[in-house]
């Protein structure tokens, strides 16, 4: 009985948190990823820092918007398939409602000087938040004292600066991640068998 009540409470907090973050986050998925980290890692302590990095990597690798993918993987980590569904629905509701309202008043918004200036000003704030995400996640990788992880991060950053197609960078990083996970699994299996 207690487990069921705890699960309902987690699902309720998950729904409210992802709904709130989705409703009041401007600037796309990378902004919401930072806020997901602050909410579920720093505030609720439901997820560890390293796990959050892994979840973000999964969200980035999956097709679709990273905001929804991020919420889905966090929801799945916390409450399985039901958590993933709850987080997805909560994340989709605000943009759906806002875009529906904007589409009704599209002509008024399209030529409104104040709206265009406000959106232009938000771009600077979004850039700052994305820079903050990169800095926080990069420092987490460096602090983990994982030389291979730091090398992979530096190589991916350099590849992007050199103009390598982002799809190739993501695929290469995914391949390296899978290989590292399989190797760790083999080493753990051998250590357990010995």
Protein backbone atom coordinates (compact mmCIF):
# COMPACT_ATOMS: atom_id res chain seq x y z
CA UNK A 1 0.00 0.00 0.00
CA UNK A 2 2.81 2.41 0.93
CA UNK A 3 4.71 1.68 -2.30
CA UNK A 4 1.61 2.47 -4.33
CA UNK A 5 1.14 5.75 -2.49
CA UNK A 6 4.83 6.65 -2.96
CA UNK A 7 4.56 5.85 -6.68
CA UNK A 8 1.48 8.08 -7.00
CA UNK A 9 3.33 10.88 -5.22
CA UNK A 10 6.36 10.51 -7.51
CA UNK A 11 4.13 10.49 -10.60
CA UNK A 12 2.26 13.55 -9.34
CA UNK A 13 5.44 15.50 -8.67
CA UNK A 14 6.87 14.34 -12.00
CA UNK A 15 3.78 15.56 -13.85
CA UNK A 16 3.65 18.94 -12.10
CA UNK A 17 7.40 19.51 -12.42
CA UNK A 18 7.65 18.67 -16.11
CA UNK A 19 4.45 20.61 -16.88
CA UNK A 20 5.81 23.67 -15.07
CA UNK A 21 9.25 23.43 -16.70
CA UNK A 22 7.74 23.01 -20.15
CA UNK A 23 5.31 25.90 -19.66
CA UNK A 24 7.89 28.43 -18.48
CA UNK A 25 10.99 27.46 -20.45
CA UNK A 26 11.94 29.52 -23.48
CA UNK A 27 14.75 28.62 -25.84
CA UNK A 28 14.36 24.98 -26.67
CA UNK A 29 15.41 21.65 -25.32
CA UNK A 30 18.87 22.46 -23.98
CA UNK A 31 17.35 25.01 -21.64
CA UNK A 32 14.86 22.49 -20.26
CA UNK A 33 17.65 19.93 -19.80
CA UNK A 34 19.38 22.31 -17.39
CA UNK A 35 16.15 22.84 -15.50
CA UNK A 36 15.44 19.10 -15.39
CA UNK A 37 18.88 18.65 -13.81
CA UNK A 38 18.22 21.38 -11.24
CA UNK A 39 14.82 19.94 -10.35
CA UNK A 40 15.50 16.19 -10.29
CA UNK A 41 19.20 16.10 -9.36
CA UNK A 42 19.78 19.19 -7.22
CA UNK A 43 16.36 19.74 -5.63
CA UNK A 44 14.65 16.32 -5.37
CA UNK A 45 17.86 14.19 -5.35
CA UNK A 46 16.04 11.50 -7.33
CA UNK A 47 18.84 11.15 -9.90
CA UNK A 48 22.64 11.27 -9.56
CA UNK A 49 24.78 13.70 -11.62
CA UNK A 50 26.40 10.92 -13.65
CA UNK A 51 23.03 9.33 -14.38
CA UNK A 52 21.69 12.66 -15.57
CA UNK A 53 24.57 12.98 -18.02
CA UNK A 54 23.75 9.52 -19.36
CA UNK A 55 20.05 10.39 -19.64
CA UNK A 56 20.84 13.59 -21.53
CA UNK A 57 23.08 11.63 -23.91
CA UNK A 58 20.23 9.20 -24.58
CA UNK A 59 17.79 12.08 -25.09
CA UNK A 60 20.14 13.75 -27.57
CA UNK A 61 20.68 10.54 -29.51
CA UNK A 62 16.98 9.74 -29.90
CA UNK A 63 14.99 11.31 -32.74
CA UNK A 64 12.62 14.11 -31.83
CA UNK A 65 12.76 17.22 -29.67
CA UNK A 66 15.27 16.99 -26.84
CA UNK A 67 12.85 18.59 -24.36
CA UNK A 68 10.36 15.75 -24.79
CA UNK A 69 13.09 13.09 -25.02
CA UNK A 70 14.73 14.43 -21.86
CA UNK A 71 11.46 14.35 -19.94
CA UNK A 72 10.72 10.83 -21.22
CA UNK A 73 14.07 9.37 -20.13
CA UNK A 74 13.83 11.07 -16.73
CA UNK A 75 10.26 9.81 -16.32
CA UNK A 76 11.30 6.30 -17.34
CA UNK A 77 14.21 6.34 -14.88
CA UNK A 78 11.91 7.40 -12.05
CA UNK A 79 8.75 5.36 -12.72
CA UNK A 80 9.18 3.09 -15.74
CA UNK A 81 6.85 3.28 -18.75
CA UNK A 82 4.10 5.03 -16.76
CA UNK A 83 6.60 7.71 -15.70
CA UNK A 84 7.76 8.14 -19.29
CA UNK A 85 4.15 8.59 -20.45
CA UNK A 86 3.32 11.03 -17.64
CA UNK A 87 6.42 13.13 -18.33
CA UNK A 88 5.79 13.12 -22.10
CA UNK A 89 2.18 14.26 -21.74
CA UNK A 90 3.11 16.94 -19.21
CA UNK A 91 5.89 18.24 -21.45
CA UNK A 92 3.73 18.33 -24.58
CA UNK A 93 0.65 20.07 -23.09
CA UNK A 94 2.09 23.63 -22.71
CA UNK A 95 3.67 23.97 -26.18
CA UNK A 96 0.56 22.43 -27.75
CA UNK A 97 -1.70 24.95 -25.97
CA UNK A 98 0.58 27.90 -26.72
CA UNK A 99 1.03 27.02 -30.40
CA UNK A 100 -2.72 26.48 -30.75
CA UNK A 101 -3.39 29.94 -29.27
CA UNK A 102 -0.71 31.58 -31.42
CA UNK A 103 -2.10 29.95 -34.57
CA UNK A 104 -5.49 31.55 -33.89
CA UNK A 105 -3.90 35.00 -33.52
CA UNK A 106 -1.04 34.47 -35.99
CA UNK A 107 -1.71 37.58 -38.08
CA UNK A 108 -1.68 39.82 -34.98
CA UNK A 109 1.58 38.29 -33.66
CA UNK A 110 3.40 38.21 -37.00
CA UNK A 111 3.59 41.97 -37.44
CA UNK A 112 3.62 43.06 -33.78
CA UNK A 113 6.78 45.09 -33.06
CA UNK A 114 6.75 44.42 -29.29
CA UNK A 115 6.44 40.66 -29.72
CA UNK A 116 9.27 40.53 -32.26
CA UNK A 117 11.54 42.64 -30.01
CA UNK A 118 10.73 40.50 -26.98
CA UNK A 119 11.60 37.31 -28.87
CA UNK A 120 14.81 38.86 -30.17
CA UNK A 121 15.83 39.81 -26.62
CA UNK A 122 15.15 36.28 -25.41
CA UNK A 123 17.76 34.94 -27.84
CA UNK A 124 20.57 36.41 -25.73
CA UNK A 125 19.18 34.79 -22.60
CA UNK A 126 18.81 31.45 -24.36
CA UNK A 127 22.41 31.59 -25.56
CA UNK A 128 23.56 32.23 -21.98
CA UNK A 129 21.54 29.30 -20.63
CA UNK A 130 22.90 26.95 -23.31
CA UNK A 131 26.45 28.11 -22.51
CA UNK A 132 25.73 27.39 -18.85
CA UNK A 133 24.55 23.85 -19.70
CA UNK A 134 27.71 23.18 -21.70
CA UNK A 135 29.88 24.49 -18.87
CA UNK A 136 28.10 22.50 -16.14
CA UNK A 137 28.07 19.23 -18.06
CA UNK A 138 31.67 19.69 -19.19
CA UNK A 139 32.86 20.31 -15.64
CA UNK A 140 30.93 17.21 -14.48
CA UNK A 141 32.80 15.11 -17.06
CA UNK A 142 36.15 16.59 -15.98
CA UNK A 143 35.37 16.09 -12.27
CA UNK A 144 34.48 12.44 -12.89
CA UNK A 145 38.22 11.91 -13.50
CA UNK A 146 37.47 9.85 -16.60
CA UNK A 147 40.32 10.57 -19.00
CA UNK A 148 38.59 8.79 -21.89
CA UNK A 149 35.42 10.81 -21.29
CA UNK A 150 37.37 14.07 -21.31
CA UNK A 151 39.16 13.02 -24.50
CA UNK A 152 35.85 12.12 -26.18
CA UNK A 153 34.30 15.43 -25.11
CA UNK A 154 37.29 17.42 -26.41
CA UNK A 155 37.31 15.50 -29.71
CA UNK A 156 33.57 16.07 -30.23
CA UNK A 157 33.96 19.78 -29.49
CA UNK A 158 36.94 20.06 -31.87
CA UNK A 159 35.06 18.16 -34.59
CA UNK A 160 32.13 20.58 -34.33
CA UNK A 161 34.49 23.57 -34.51
CA UNK A 162 36.14 22.08 -37.60
CA UNK A 163 32.77 21.78 -39.32
CA UNK A 164 32.31 18.02 -39.11
CA UNK A 165 28.66 17.12 -39.60
CA UNK A 166 26.93 16.93 -36.20
CA UNK A 167 25.21 13.68 -37.18
CA UNK A 168 28.62 12.04 -37.63
CA UNK A 169 29.79 13.38 -34.27
CA UNK A 170 26.68 12.02 -32.52
CA UNK A 171 26.98 8.63 -34.24
CA UNK A 172 30.68 8.36 -33.38
CA UNK A 173 30.02 9.31 -29.75
CA UNK A 174 27.15 6.80 -29.57
CA UNK A 175 29.39 4.05 -30.97
CA UNK A 176 32.15 4.85 -28.52
CA UNK A 177 29.63 4.91 -25.66
CA UNK A 178 28.22 1.52 -26.60
CA UNK A 179 31.71 0.05 -26.92
CA UNK A 180 32.76 1.45 -23.52
CA UNK A 181 29.60 0.10 -21.87
CA UNK A 182 30.12 -3.36 -23.36
CA UNK A 183 33.77 -3.38 -22.28
CA UNK A 184 32.83 -2.33 -18.75
CA UNK A 185 30.22 -5.09 -18.67
CA UNK A 186 32.77 -7.69 -19.76
CA UNK A 187 35.30 -6.52 -17.16
CA UNK A 188 32.63 -6.58 -14.45
CA UNK A 189 31.58 -10.10 -15.53
CA UNK A 190 35.16 -11.36 -15.41
CA UNK A 191 35.73 -9.73 -12.02
CA UNK A 192 32.55 -11.32 -10.62
CA UNK A 193 33.47 -14.74 -11.99
CA UNK A 194 36.96 -14.68 -10.47
